[in-house]
């Protein structure tokens, strides 16, 4: 029986009465492993570079149903799938991919949502190439991995675009305990969703006027459209999670105030909102700013649409971004879309050591971004009006490895040179937001101001208080923050049941 015959004869009914292993075996027998190895990875359709640099529309356009099913056919349905072990939230990747292959996309999405409440987001921004896809067994066979991230995005988008509204699974038996989640970034949203599924009353407190944390203020629309983010957040609200914006815990109310209001447990997911600078001359010039400020103005405060929205942002011809991570890529590509005729990256290590996703670097290069490696600014230059006009930079070479295992950049004497720049965006990292965590007496902090936790439960040094995401890790990925949220939710539920 062909795959088409299986589907036409009512695959849903067969799946309902047959163990997953049986129908997966049927699909596996239909398309042999040898044939699967011969199917090439399907490229994600994209906006052409010349067109996309003039808009903030999403670069990646998504798979069609036919392409998604063909890509899903590449999955070997391994007996020991490495992809699952590489996923911080432990999605049942082989099962959801087999559902895509069978054309049962709603079941694929339901499988993903068993452990991931933000599939449309993760499918777009997670570094699958160093997590699930890195462990795909096709790589061991010398082939490109299954496009797991693209398929996750496809499943979420396809179901959302159907006439039937996206639904979420029901929650467990209602419990009386109230839980406060502080911060509505990926860690906070995940812990809130998981606790709601377990029947708890959850309130998320967000200091800004829109929820989403770094998903809202840090990631440009050309990577994560706002309507996608809003839809995912709405599904979490539909679970019964209350989200209070413009509520800055530590100012609007303290943890003690919330405790007196009846909240039994707390999750701190306040992110890493404290930017790092280089402490070099000229940093106080107008035109030098952090990537946090720059992207927040554009993404959250709609500065790209000034004066329709009254938040200004520098619109320049020559923009420089210092750094080599995803935030740096987002900033430099944003500057390009805002009218810069020359947008450049300056990174102190070599290309191979850049922490940015390969896809983001590729997109930046296609768009005409200039990359300068082994180069670092040592002084900013300005005019008599206090505005940035340029930078003095120094060439570097790679020396011995440092504590991170990467070779340490070493200055080359006499290699200084000048470049013109009207905007310099510093994207060299950030530290946890100190507003709340430094107010809580007895909360143990690490060397860099991060909250210290038990990594197995995300419990802090104070009973009933848990933490995760960038407040613990510093700047990290969305999916790692979500993994923290999942662990914390389980631990909070178990702690409340013991009390």
Protein backbone atom coordinates (compact mmCIF):
# COMPACT_ATOMS: atom_id res chain seq x y z
CA UNK A 1 0.00 0.00 0.00
CA UNK A 2 1.41 3.38 -1.00
CA UNK A 3 1.63 6.32 1.35
CA UNK A 4 -1.09 8.08 -0.62
CA UNK A 5 -3.39 5.07 -0.17
CA UNK A 6 -2.72 5.04 3.57
CA UNK A 7 -3.67 8.68 3.85
CA UNK A 8 -6.75 8.39 1.63
CA UNK A 9 -8.07 5.38 3.56
CA UNK A 10 -8.17 7.38 6.76
CA UNK A 11 -4.76 7.64 8.34
CA UNK A 12 -6.16 9.40 11.39
CA UNK A 13 -8.35 6.42 12.26
CA UNK A 14 -5.45 4.03 11.71
CA UNK A 15 -3.20 6.11 13.90
CA UNK A 16 -5.80 6.17 16.65
CA UNK A 17 -5.98 2.38 16.77
CA UNK A 18 -2.36 1.54 16.10
CA UNK A 19 0.74 2.08 18.16
CA UNK A 20 3.08 4.79 16.92
CA UNK A 21 5.80 2.25 16.27
CA UNK A 22 3.56 0.32 13.86
CA UNK A 23 2.57 3.19 11.58
CA UNK A 24 6.11 4.54 11.62
CA UNK A 25 7.29 1.11 10.55
CA UNK A 26 4.79 1.17 7.69
CA UNK A 27 6.14 4.48 6.42
CA UNK A 28 9.71 3.28 6.89
CA UNK A 29 9.07 0.17 4.81
CA UNK A 30 7.41 2.21 2.09
CA UNK A 31 10.47 4.41 1.59
CA UNK A 32 13.69 2.50 2.15
CA UNK A 33 16.60 3.96 4.01
CA UNK A 34 18.66 3.93 0.82
CA UNK A 35 16.08 6.09 -0.95
CA UNK A 36 15.88 8.45 2.01
CA UNK A 37 19.66 8.91 1.89
CA UNK A 38 19.39 9.99 -1.74
CA UNK A 39 16.86 12.78 -1.12
CA UNK A 40 18.67 16.14 -0.95
CA UNK A 41 17.88 18.65 1.78
CA UNK A 42 15.29 21.16 0.62
CA UNK A 43 16.41 24.78 0.73
CA UNK A 44 14.22 27.31 2.49
CA UNK A 45 12.68 29.79 0.00
CA UNK A 46 13.80 33.36 0.72
CA UNK A 47 13.20 36.93 -0.30
CA UNK A 48 15.89 37.99 -2.80
CA UNK A 49 18.58 40.11 -1.08
CA UNK A 50 18.04 43.16 -3.29
CA UNK A 51 14.37 43.23 -2.29
CA UNK A 52 14.59 42.36 1.39
CA UNK A 53 17.13 45.05 2.35
CA UNK A 54 14.42 47.61 1.62
CA UNK A 55 11.80 46.12 3.96
CA UNK A 56 11.34 44.52 7.36
CA UNK A 57 9.35 41.56 6.02
CA UNK A 58 10.49 38.06 6.93
CA UNK A 59 13.47 36.84 4.93
CA UNK A 60 12.62 33.13 5.07
CA UNK A 61 9.34 32.39 3.31
CA UNK A 62 8.60 28.89 4.64
CA UNK A 63 8.03 25.47 3.11
CA UNK A 64 4.97 24.49 1.11
CA UNK A 65 3.14 21.32 2.14
CA UNK A 66 4.70 19.31 -0.68
CA UNK A 67 8.23 20.46 0.13
CA UNK A 68 7.73 19.84 3.84
CA UNK A 69 6.55 16.28 3.23
CA UNK A 70 9.48 15.61 0.91
CA UNK A 71 11.92 16.95 3.49
CA UNK A 72 10.26 14.83 6.17
CA UNK A 73 10.85 11.74 3.99
CA UNK A 74 14.56 12.20 4.60
CA UNK A 75 14.15 11.24 8.26
CA UNK A 76 15.57 7.75 8.88
CA UNK A 77 13.35 7.22 11.96
CA UNK A 78 16.41 6.00 13.85
CA UNK A 79 16.17 3.51 16.66
CA UNK A 80 18.35 5.83 18.76
CA UNK A 81 17.54 9.34 17.52
CA UNK A 82 20.34 11.75 18.34
CA UNK A 83 18.14 14.70 17.44
CA UNK A 84 16.01 14.34 20.59
CA UNK A 85 19.03 14.32 22.89
CA UNK A 86 20.17 17.55 21.22
CA UNK A 87 16.89 19.37 21.90
CA UNK A 88 16.84 21.34 25.19
CA UNK A 89 13.06 20.84 25.53
CA UNK A 90 13.13 17.18 24.37
CA UNK A 91 10.64 17.38 21.50
CA UNK A 92 9.69 13.96 20.12
CA UNK A 93 11.27 14.92 16.82
CA UNK A 94 10.98 11.61 14.91
CA UNK A 95 7.27 11.33 15.67
CA UNK A 96 6.41 14.89 14.64
CA UNK A 97 8.42 14.50 11.43
CA UNK A 98 6.65 11.26 10.58
CA UNK A 99 3.32 13.02 11.06
CA UNK A 100 4.50 15.68 8.59
CA UNK A 101 5.52 12.97 6.14
CA UNK A 102 2.06 11.42 6.44
CA UNK A 103 0.39 14.78 5.85
CA UNK A 104 -1.13 14.93 9.35
CA UNK A 105 0.18 18.34 10.23
CA UNK A 106 -2.16 19.03 13.13
CA UNK A 107 -0.91 15.86 14.82
CA UNK A 108 2.67 16.95 14.12
CA UNK A 109 2.04 20.26 15.84
CA UNK A 110 0.30 18.56 18.77
CA UNK A 111 3.36 16.38 19.23
CA UNK A 112 5.65 19.42 19.27
CA UNK A 113 3.42 21.28 21.71
CA UNK A 114 3.66 18.43 24.20
CA UNK A 115 7.03 19.92 25.21
CA UNK A 116 7.36 23.22 23.34
CA UNK A 117 4.83 26.03 23.77
CA UNK A 118 6.53 28.30 21.20
CA UNK A 119 7.01 26.17 18.05
CA UNK A 120 6.53 28.94 15.47
CA UNK A 121 9.19 30.98 17.27
CA UNK A 122 11.68 28.17 17.87
CA UNK A 123 11.37 27.05 14.26
CA UNK A 124 12.60 30.50 13.28
CA UNK A 125 15.23 31.56 15.79
CA UNK A 126 16.67 28.43 17.45
CA UNK A 127 20.20 27.35 16.45
CA UNK A 128 19.15 23.90 15.30
CA UNK A 129 22.45 23.49 13.48
CA UNK A 130 24.30 23.13 16.80
CA UNK A 131 21.57 21.25 18.64
CA UNK A 132 19.04 18.78 17.19
CA UNK A 133 20.29 18.90 13.59
CA UNK A 134 23.90 18.53 14.67
CA UNK A 135 22.99 15.15 16.19
CA UNK A 136 20.94 13.94 13.19
CA UNK A 137 22.19 10.51 12.15
CA UNK A 138 22.18 11.57 8.50
CA UNK A 139 25.28 13.60 9.32
CA UNK A 140 27.08 10.37 10.23
CA UNK A 141 26.21 9.10 6.76
CA UNK A 142 27.87 12.13 5.20
CA UNK A 143 24.57 13.84 4.36
CA UNK A 144 23.00 17.12 5.40
CA UNK A 145 20.73 16.78 8.44
CA UNK A 146 16.96 16.82 8.22
CA UNK A 147 15.75 20.44 8.30
CA UNK A 148 14.13 19.97 11.71
CA UNK A 149 13.78 23.68 12.42
CA UNK A 150 12.16 24.39 9.05
CA UNK A 151 9.70 21.53 9.60
CA UNK A 152 8.83 22.75 13.10
CA UNK A 153 8.13 26.21 11.70
CA UNK A 154 6.11 24.71 8.86
CA UNK A 155 3.88 22.70 11.19
CA UNK A 156 3.08 25.73 13.34
CA UNK A 157 2.48 28.02 10.36
CA UNK A 158 0.41 25.51 8.40
CA UNK A 159 -2.03 24.83 11.23
CA UNK A 160 -2.33 28.53 12.02
CA UNK A 161 -3.24 29.29 8.40
CA UNK A 162 -6.08 26.77 8.29
CA UNK A 163 -9.69 27.79 8.85
CA UNK A 164 -9.82 25.95 12.16
CA UNK A 165 -8.20 28.00 14.95
CA UNK A 166 -5.10 26.72 16.68
CA UNK A 167 -6.04 24.97 19.91
CA UNK A 168 -4.03 24.03 22.95
CA UNK A 169 -4.34 20.95 25.09
CA UNK A 170 -6.43 21.10 28.22
CA UNK A 171 -4.95 21.82 31.62
CA UNK A 172 -4.81 19.55 34.61
CA UNK A 173 -7.03 19.69 37.65
CA UNK A 174 -7.19 23.24 38.99
CA UNK A 175 -5.04 23.93 42.04
CA UNK A 176 -5.29 26.79 44.50
CA UNK A 177 -1.65 27.89 44.63
CA UNK A 178 -0.76 31.18 42.97
CA UNK A 179 2.57 31.43 41.17
CA UNK A 180 4.28 34.64 40.06
CA UNK A 181 6.46 34.60 36.95
CA UNK A 182 8.61 37.71 36.68
CA UNK A 183 9.49 38.45 33.08
CA UNK A 184 7.68 37.36 29.93
CA UNK A 185 10.62 36.24 27.82
CA UNK A 186 11.01 32.67 26.54
CA UNK A 187 11.86 31.26 30.00
CA UNK A 188 8.93 33.01 31.69
CA UNK A 189 6.43 32.09 28.99
CA UNK A 190 7.53 28.45 29.08
CA UNK A 191 7.35 28.05 32.86
CA UNK A 192 3.95 29.79 32.84
CA UNK A 193 2.55 27.50 30.14
CA UNK A 194 3.86 24.32 31.77
CA UNK A 195 2.53 25.29 35.19
CA UNK A 196 -0.86 26.19 33.69
CA UNK A 197 -0.98 22.74 32.07
CA UNK A 198 -0.42 21.32 35.55
CA UNK A 199 -3.44 23.24 36.85
CA UNK A 200 -1.72 26.09 38.69
CA UNK A 201 -2.84 29.71 38.78
CA UNK A 202 -0.08 31.68 37.07
CA UNK A 203 0.44 35.42 36.68
CA UNK A 204 3.25 36.79 34.51
CA UNK A 205 4.54 40.25 35.44
CA UNK A 206 6.17 42.18 32.60
CA UNK A 207 7.86 45.55 33.13
CA UNK A 208 7.44 46.75 29.53
CA UNK A 209 4.21 47.59 27.76
CA UNK A 210 4.26 44.47 25.58
CA UNK A 211 5.01 40.86 26.59
CA UNK A 212 7.68 38.70 25.00
CA UNK A 213 10.90 39.95 26.53
CA UNK A 214 13.85 39.57 24.18
CA UNK A 215 11.52 38.03 21.59
CA UNK A 216 9.77 41.41 21.36
CA UNK A 217 12.54 43.95 21.87
CA UNK A 218 15.60 42.04 20.67
CA UNK A 219 14.70 40.17 17.48
CA UNK A 220 13.84 42.13 14.31
CA UNK A 221 10.64 41.50 12.38
CA UNK A 222 12.58 40.18 9.38
CA UNK A 223 13.51 37.20 11.57
CA UNK A 224 10.43 36.98 13.81
CA UNK A 225 7.24 38.73 12.63
CA UNK A 226 5.25 40.27 15.47
CA UNK A 227 1.98 38.60 14.50
CA UNK A 228 3.68 35.20 14.94
CA UNK A 229 4.91 36.17 18.39
CA UNK A 230 1.52 37.59 19.37
CA UNK A 231 -0.26 34.40 18.30
CA UNK A 232 2.05 32.21 20.38
CA UNK A 233 1.62 34.43 23.43
CA UNK A 234 -2.16 34.41 22.98
CA UNK A 235 -2.19 30.61 23.06
CA UNK A 236 -0.41 30.75 26.41
CA UNK A 237 -2.94 33.28 27.69
CA UNK A 238 -5.71 30.94 26.52
CA UNK A 239 -4.42 28.41 29.04
CA UNK A 240 -5.55 30.79 31.76
CA UNK A 241 -2.19 32.51 32.28
CA UNK A 242 -2.67 36.16 33.26
CA UNK A 243 -0.10 38.57 31.82
CA UNK A 244 0.26 41.94 33.54
CA UNK A 245 2.32 44.46 31.56
CA UNK A 246 3.76 47.76 32.80
CA UNK A 247 4.36 46.00 36.12
CA UNK A 248 7.99 46.29 37.17
CA UNK A 249 8.62 43.92 40.04
CA UNK A 250 11.08 45.69 42.30
CA UNK A 251 9.38 49.04 41.66
CA UNK A 252 5.64 48.53 41.16
CA UNK A 253 5.73 45.85 43.85
CA UNK A 254 8.39 43.83 45.63
CA UNK A 255 8.56 40.07 46.02
CA UNK A 256 7.46 40.60 49.61
CA UNK A 257 4.40 42.50 48.38
CA UNK A 258 3.53 39.67 46.02
CA UNK A 259 4.03 37.11 48.75
CA UNK A 260 1.60 39.01 50.98
CA UNK A 261 -0.83 39.06 48.05
CA UNK A 262 -0.92 35.25 48.17
CA UNK A 263 1.76 34.13 45.70
CA UNK A 264 3.42 30.94 46.95
CA UNK A 265 6.21 30.41 44.44
CA UNK A 266 8.23 32.70 42.18
CA UNK A 267 10.14 32.31 38.94
CA UNK A 268 12.65 35.01 38.05
CA UNK A 269 13.10 35.35 34.30
CA UNK A 270 14.16 38.97 34.09
CA UNK A 271 16.66 38.48 31.27
CA UNK A 272 19.99 40.06 30.51
CA UNK A 273 19.14 43.70 29.95
CA UNK A 274 22.40 45.26 31.18
CA UNK A 275 24.60 45.95 28.13
CA UNK A 276 28.38 45.68 28.14
CA UNK A 277 30.68 48.40 26.80
CA UNK A 278 34.41 48.49 26.08
CA UNK A 279 35.44 51.42 28.30
CA UNK A 280 37.34 53.18 25.51
CA UNK A 281 37.59 56.92 24.83
CA UNK A 282 34.61 58.49 23.08
CA UNK A 283 31.89 56.11 24.26
CA UNK A 284 29.83 59.08 25.45
CA UNK A 285 29.58 60.55 21.93
CA UNK A 286 26.14 60.84 20.36
CA UNK A 287 25.92 58.01 17.86
CA UNK A 288 27.48 55.35 20.12
CA UNK A 289 24.87 53.05 21.68
CA UNK A 290 24.32 49.51 22.86
CA UNK A 291 22.60 46.94 20.70
CA UNK A 292 19.99 46.60 23.47
CA UNK A 293 18.98 50.25 23.11
CA UNK A 294 19.16 50.27 19.32
CA UNK A 295 17.09 47.14 18.77
CA UNK A 296 14.60 48.03 21.52
CA UNK A 297 13.92 51.38 19.87
CA UNK A 298 13.38 49.76 16.49
CA UNK A 299 11.60 46.56 17.47
CA UNK A 300 9.51 47.46 20.51
CA UNK A 301 9.10 51.20 20.10
CA UNK A 302 8.65 51.18 16.30
CA UNK A 303 11.38 53.76 15.71
CA UNK A 304 11.69 52.58 12.10
CA UNK A 305 8.33 54.28 11.53
CA UNK A 306 9.29 57.67 12.97
CA UNK A 307 7.57 60.17 13.02
CA UNK A 308 4.43 58.01 12.87
CA UNK A 309 5.73 56.69 16.20
CA UNK A 310 7.56 59.26 18.30
CA UNK A 311 10.69 57.26 19.10
CA UNK A 312 13.68 58.52 17.09
CA UNK A 313 16.55 56.32 16.00
CA UNK A 314 19.79 57.29 14.22
CA UNK A 315 19.37 57.05 10.44
CA UNK A 316 22.84 57.19 8.94
CA UNK A 317 24.82 56.34 5.83
CA UNK A 318 27.78 54.68 7.56
CA UNK A 319 26.97 52.26 10.39
CA UNK A 320 29.39 50.09 12.36
CA UNK A 321 28.48 47.22 14.67
CA UNK A 322 31.03 45.79 17.10
CA UNK A 323 30.51 42.10 17.84
CA UNK A 324 30.04 38.75 16.15
CA UNK A 325 26.91 37.19 17.63
CA UNK A 326 23.30 37.03 16.53
CA UNK A 327 22.57 40.37 18.21
CA UNK A 328 25.31 41.99 16.14
CA UNK A 329 23.83 40.47 12.96
CA UNK A 330 20.39 41.76 13.89
CA UNK A 331 21.73 45.26 14.56
CA UNK A 332 23.79 45.60 11.40
CA UNK A 333 21.03 44.24 9.16
CA UNK A 334 18.57 46.61 10.83
CA UNK A 335 20.85 49.58 10.14
CA UNK A 336 21.01 48.52 6.50
CA UNK A 337 17.21 48.46 6.26
CA UNK A 338 17.03 51.90 7.85
CA UNK A 339 19.05 53.41 5.01
CA UNK A 340 22.74 52.83 5.68
CA UNK A 341 24.69 52.62 2.43
CA UNK A 342 27.61 51.01 4.25
CA UNK A 343 26.94 48.71 7.20
CA UNK A 344 29.94 46.92 8.69
CA UNK A 345 30.76 44.32 11.31
CA UNK A 346 33.94 44.56 13.38
CA UNK A 347 34.77 41.37 15.25
CA UNK A 348 37.87 40.76 17.35
CA UNK A 349 38.27 37.10 16.47
CA UNK A 350 38.28 35.19 13.19
CA UNK A 351 35.28 34.21 11.10
CA UNK A 352 35.34 30.60 12.23
CA UNK A 353 34.91 31.70 15.85
CA UNK A 354 31.88 33.91 15.28
CA UNK A 355 29.06 32.78 17.60
CA UNK A 356 26.34 34.00 15.22
CA UNK A 357 24.23 31.41 13.40
CA UNK A 358 25.61 30.36 10.03
CA UNK A 359 22.28 31.28 8.41
CA UNK A 360 22.35 34.81 9.84
CA UNK A 361 25.93 35.38 8.65
CA UNK A 362 24.99 34.05 5.20
CA UNK A 363 21.99 36.37 4.99
CA UNK A 364 24.12 39.32 6.09
CA UNK A 365 26.75 38.62 3.46
CA UNK A 366 24.11 38.28 0.75
CA UNK A 367 22.74 41.68 1.77
CA UNK A 368 26.12 43.37 1.35
CA UNK A 369 27.24 43.63 4.97
CA UNK A 370 31.00 44.18 5.20
CA UNK A 371 32.82 41.89 7.66
CA UNK A 372 36.07 42.93 9.32
CA UNK A 373 37.70 40.18 11.38
CA UNK A 374 40.52 40.39 13.92
CA UNK A 375 39.71 44.08 14.32
CA UNK A 376 38.68 46.04 17.41
CA UNK A 377 37.93 49.73 18.07
CA UNK A 378 40.28 51.45 20.51
CA UNK A 379 38.85 54.97 20.32
CA UNK A 380 35.78 56.74 18.97
CA UNK A 381 36.18 60.04 17.12
CA UNK A 382 33.75 62.94 17.27
CA UNK A 383 33.22 66.52 16.12
CA UNK A 384 32.90 69.68 18.17
CA UNK A 385 29.17 69.04 18.54
CA UNK A 386 29.80 65.80 20.38
CA UNK A 387 28.68 63.54 17.55
CA UNK A 388 30.43 60.39 16.36
CA UNK A 389 32.39 60.80 13.11
CA UNK A 390 34.61 57.75 13.08
CA UNK A 391 36.64 55.12 14.91
CA UNK A 392 40.26 54.24 15.43
CA UNK A 393 40.66 50.48 15.11
CA UNK A 394 43.50 48.08 15.71
CA UNK A 395 44.39 44.85 13.95
CA UNK A 396 44.69 41.67 16.02
CA UNK A 397 46.20 38.24 15.70
CA UNK A 398 45.18 35.06 17.48
CA UNK A 399 47.42 33.93 20.31
CA UNK A 400 47.13 31.10 22.81
CA UNK A 401 43.69 29.76 23.87
CA UNK A 402 41.98 31.52 26.77
CA UNK A 403 39.67 30.04 29.44
CA UNK A 404 36.90 29.57 26.87
CA UNK A 405 39.15 27.38 24.73
CA UNK A 406 39.27 29.94 21.94
CA UNK A 407 42.53 31.57 20.87
CA UNK A 408 42.96 34.94 22.55
CA UNK A 409 43.07 38.02 20.27
CA UNK A 410 46.41 39.82 20.64
CA UNK A 411 46.92 43.43 19.41
CA UNK A 412 49.41 44.00 16.59
CA UNK A 413 51.58 47.02 17.50
CA UNK A 414 51.40 49.89 15.01
CA UNK A 415 48.36 48.48 13.18
CA UNK A 416 45.90 51.26 14.06
CA UNK A 417 43.77 52.79 11.32
CA UNK A 418 40.73 55.05 11.05
CA UNK A 419 37.28 54.57 9.48
CA UNK A 420 34.34 56.92 9.15
CA UNK A 421 31.16 56.07 11.07
CA UNK A 422 28.06 57.97 12.08
CA UNK A 423 26.62 55.15 14.19
CA UNK A 424 28.47 52.60 16.32
CA UNK A 425 26.37 49.85 17.89
CA UNK A 426 28.11 47.87 20.61
CA UNK A 427 26.98 44.22 20.65
CA UNK A 428 29.62 42.50 22.77
CA UNK A 429 27.33 40.89 25.33
CA UNK A 430 25.09 41.72 28.24
CA UNK A 431 24.63 40.88 31.90
CA UNK A 432 21.51 39.98 33.89
CA UNK A 433 19.14 42.82 34.68
CA UNK A 434 20.13 43.84 38.24
CA UNK A 435 16.98 45.79 39.19
CA UNK A 436 15.20 42.96 41.00
CA UNK A 437 17.82 40.33 41.74
CA UNK A 438 20.10 42.68 43.69
CA UNK A 439 17.19 43.76 45.89
CA UNK A 440 16.35 40.28 47.16
CA UNK A 441 18.21 39.67 50.41
CA UNK A 442 19.85 36.26 50.57
CA UNK A 443 19.61 35.56 46.82
CA UNK A 444 22.96 34.11 45.84
CA UNK A 445 24.51 35.70 42.76
CA UNK A 446 27.43 34.63 40.62
CA UNK A 447 30.55 36.46 39.58
CA UNK A 448 28.85 38.26 36.71
CA UNK A 449 25.70 39.19 38.60
CA UNK A 450 23.76 36.15 37.43
CA UNK A 451 21.37 34.25 39.71
CA UNK A 452 22.93 31.00 40.90
CA UNK A 453 20.66 27.95 40.73
CA UNK A 454 20.64 24.20 41.09
CA UNK A 455 20.86 23.26 37.38
CA UNK A 456 18.61 20.23 37.85
CA UNK A 457 15.69 22.18 39.34
CA UNK A 458 16.52 25.87 38.69
CA UNK A 459 15.99 26.47 42.44
CA UNK A 460 17.80 29.47 43.87
CA UNK A 461 19.32 29.84 47.33
CA UNK A 462 15.90 30.95 48.64
CA UNK A 463 13.09 28.46 49.15
CA UNK A 464 10.21 28.91 46.74
CA UNK A 465 12.18 31.12 44.34
CA UNK A 466 13.38 29.70 41.03
CA UNK A 467 15.13 31.35 38.09
CA UNK A 468 16.12 30.65 34.51
CA UNK A 469 17.00 32.03 31.11
CA UNK A 470 19.37 34.94 30.72
CA UNK A 471 18.99 35.96 34.38
CA UNK A 472 20.94 32.78 35.10
CA UNK A 473 22.96 32.27 31.92
CA UNK A 474 23.69 35.81 30.77
CA UNK A 475 23.05 36.11 27.03
CA UNK A 476 21.97 32.68 25.75
CA UNK A 477 19.56 31.19 23.21
CA UNK A 478 15.78 31.14 23.26
CA UNK A 479 15.59 27.36 23.41
CA UNK A 480 18.03 27.08 26.33
CA UNK A 481 15.90 29.57 28.25
CA UNK A 482 12.84 27.47 27.46
CA UNK A 483 14.63 24.37 28.71
CA UNK A 484 15.25 26.20 31.99
CA UNK A 485 11.56 27.07 32.17
CA UNK A 486 10.50 23.46 31.71
CA UNK A 487 12.80 22.22 34.47
CA UNK A 488 11.65 24.97 36.81
CA UNK A 489 7.97 24.23 36.17
CA UNK A 490 8.39 20.58 37.14
CA UNK A 491 10.36 21.52 40.25
CA UNK A 492 7.86 24.19 41.34
CA UNK A 493 4.95 21.79 40.91
CA UNK A 494 6.70 19.11 42.97
CA UNK A 495 7.69 21.61 45.68
CA UNK A 496 4.13 22.92 46.02
CA UNK A 497 2.70 19.41 46.23
CA UNK A 498 5.09 18.61 49.09
CA UNK A 499 4.27 21.78 51.04
